[in-house]
Amino acid sequence: IGTNCLKVILECCYLTDAEKKIACKLSVEAGADFVKTSTGFGTSGATLEDIIIMKEAVEGKAKIKAAGGIRDYETSKKFLDLGIERIGTSGGISI
């Protein structure tokens, strides 16, 4: 999308694992720079399982942003250790 960064937000809490894979693959085909787990307003936020599914599905062709429910250092470290590039959180100061 030119010089603009395109982030596609999946609301993973409403999707099956198969739908998450399809959504990630379609996002990559559409030129997404990032695929994001959640808006943070769904019934739940990012999970480590979601990140594993998403990383596999994008095959390194898009970056992953985890968002929703990440409020402390220990949790953010687990996501970062899985290889995400960004964290969406309202708890940046406490992290």
Protein backbone atom coordinates (compact mmCIF):
# COMPACT_ATOMS: atom_id res chain seq x y z
CA ILE A 1 0.00 0.00 0.00
CA GLY A 2 2.67 2.42 -1.04
CA THR A 3 4.58 3.85 1.91
CA ASN A 4 1.66 3.28 4.30
CA CYS A 5 1.61 0.40 6.75
CA LEU A 6 -1.40 -1.89 6.37
CA LYS A 7 -2.51 -3.74 9.50
CA VAL A 8 -5.32 -6.26 9.22
CA ILE A 9 -7.09 -6.85 12.53
CA LEU A 10 -8.57 -10.28 13.11
CA GLU A 11 -10.84 -10.66 16.08
CA CYS A 12 -9.37 -14.07 16.91
CA CYS A 13 -11.74 -14.75 19.79
CA TYR A 14 -14.58 -15.12 17.27
CA LEU A 15 -12.69 -17.33 14.77
CA THR A 16 -11.88 -21.01 14.61
CA ASP A 17 -8.25 -22.00 14.13
CA ALA A 18 -9.01 -22.81 10.48
CA GLU A 19 -10.59 -19.38 9.98
CA LYS A 20 -7.55 -17.69 11.57
CA LYS A 21 -5.27 -19.45 9.09
CA ILE A 22 -7.44 -18.48 6.13
CA ALA A 23 -7.71 -14.87 7.33
CA CYS A 24 -3.93 -14.63 7.72
CA LYS A 25 -3.28 -16.07 4.27
CA LEU A 26 -5.83 -13.71 2.68
CA SER A 27 -4.27 -10.78 4.54
CA VAL A 28 -0.85 -11.64 3.13
CA GLU A 29 -2.31 -12.00 -0.38
CA ALA A 30 -3.90 -8.56 0.02
CA GLY A 31 -0.52 -7.02 0.87
CA ALA A 32 -0.81 -6.66 4.64
CA ASP A 33 2.32 -5.58 6.49
CA PHE A 34 0.90 -6.74 9.83
CA VAL A 35 -1.76 -9.14 11.00
CA LYS A 36 -3.11 -8.22 14.44
CA THR A 37 -4.82 -10.56 16.88
CA SER A 38 -7.51 -8.32 18.26
CA THR A 39 -8.93 -4.85 18.70
CA GLY A 40 -8.84 -5.42 22.45
CA PHE A 41 -12.61 -5.01 22.64
CA GLY A 42 -13.69 -8.60 21.87
CA THR A 43 -14.53 -11.30 24.38
CA SER A 44 -10.83 -12.07 24.81
CA GLY A 45 -7.49 -10.81 23.60
CA ALA A 46 -4.34 -12.33 22.19
CA THR A 47 -3.36 -15.87 23.10
CA LEU A 48 -0.06 -17.61 22.61
CA GLU A 49 -1.87 -20.27 20.60
CA ASP A 50 -3.21 -17.60 18.23
CA ILE A 51 0.31 -16.31 17.64
CA ILE A 52 1.62 -19.77 16.80
CA ILE A 53 -1.20 -20.29 14.28
CA MET A 54 -0.75 -16.84 12.77
CA LYS A 55 3.06 -17.07 12.48
CA GLU A 56 2.74 -20.38 10.67
CA ALA A 57 0.03 -19.05 8.35
CA VAL A 58 1.84 -15.86 7.27
CA GLU A 59 5.07 -17.78 6.56
CA GLY A 60 7.21 -14.73 7.34
CA LYS A 61 5.42 -12.62 4.71
CA ALA A 62 3.75 -10.35 7.27
CA LYS A 63 4.56 -9.26 10.80
CA ILE A 64 2.40 -10.10 13.80
CA LYS A 65 0.98 -7.69 16.34
CA ALA A 66 -0.47 -9.14 19.55
CA ALA A 67 -3.13 -7.04 21.23
CA GLY A 68 -5.68 -7.44 23.97
CA GLY A 69 -5.05 -8.61 27.51
CA ILE A 70 -1.30 -7.94 27.57
CA ARG A 71 -0.79 -5.97 30.78
CA ASP A 72 2.47 -7.10 32.36
CA TYR A 73 6.10 -7.82 31.55
CA GLU A 74 5.86 -11.60 31.93
CA THR A 75 2.98 -11.87 29.46
CA SER A 76 4.57 -9.49 26.96
CA LYS A 77 7.85 -11.44 27.14
CA LYS A 78 6.05 -14.69 26.26
CA PHE A 79 4.60 -13.07 23.15
CA LEU A 80 7.92 -11.49 22.18
CA ASP A 81 9.65 -14.85 22.61
CA LEU A 82 7.28 -16.27 19.99
CA GLY A 83 8.57 -13.69 17.53
CA ILE A 84 5.91 -11.02 17.35
CA GLU A 85 7.03 -7.59 16.22
CA ARG A 86 4.58 -5.36 18.10
CA ILE A 87 2.40 -5.40 21.19
CA GLY A 88 -0.82 -3.47 21.51
CA THR A 89 -1.44 -2.61 25.15
CA SER A 90 -2.79 0.09 27.38
CA GLY A 91 -0.35 -1.04 30.08
CA GLY A 92 2.87 0.21 28.52
CA ILE A 93 4.06 1.99 31.63
CA SER A 94 3.58 -1.04 33.88
CA ILE A 95 5.26 -3.30 31.35
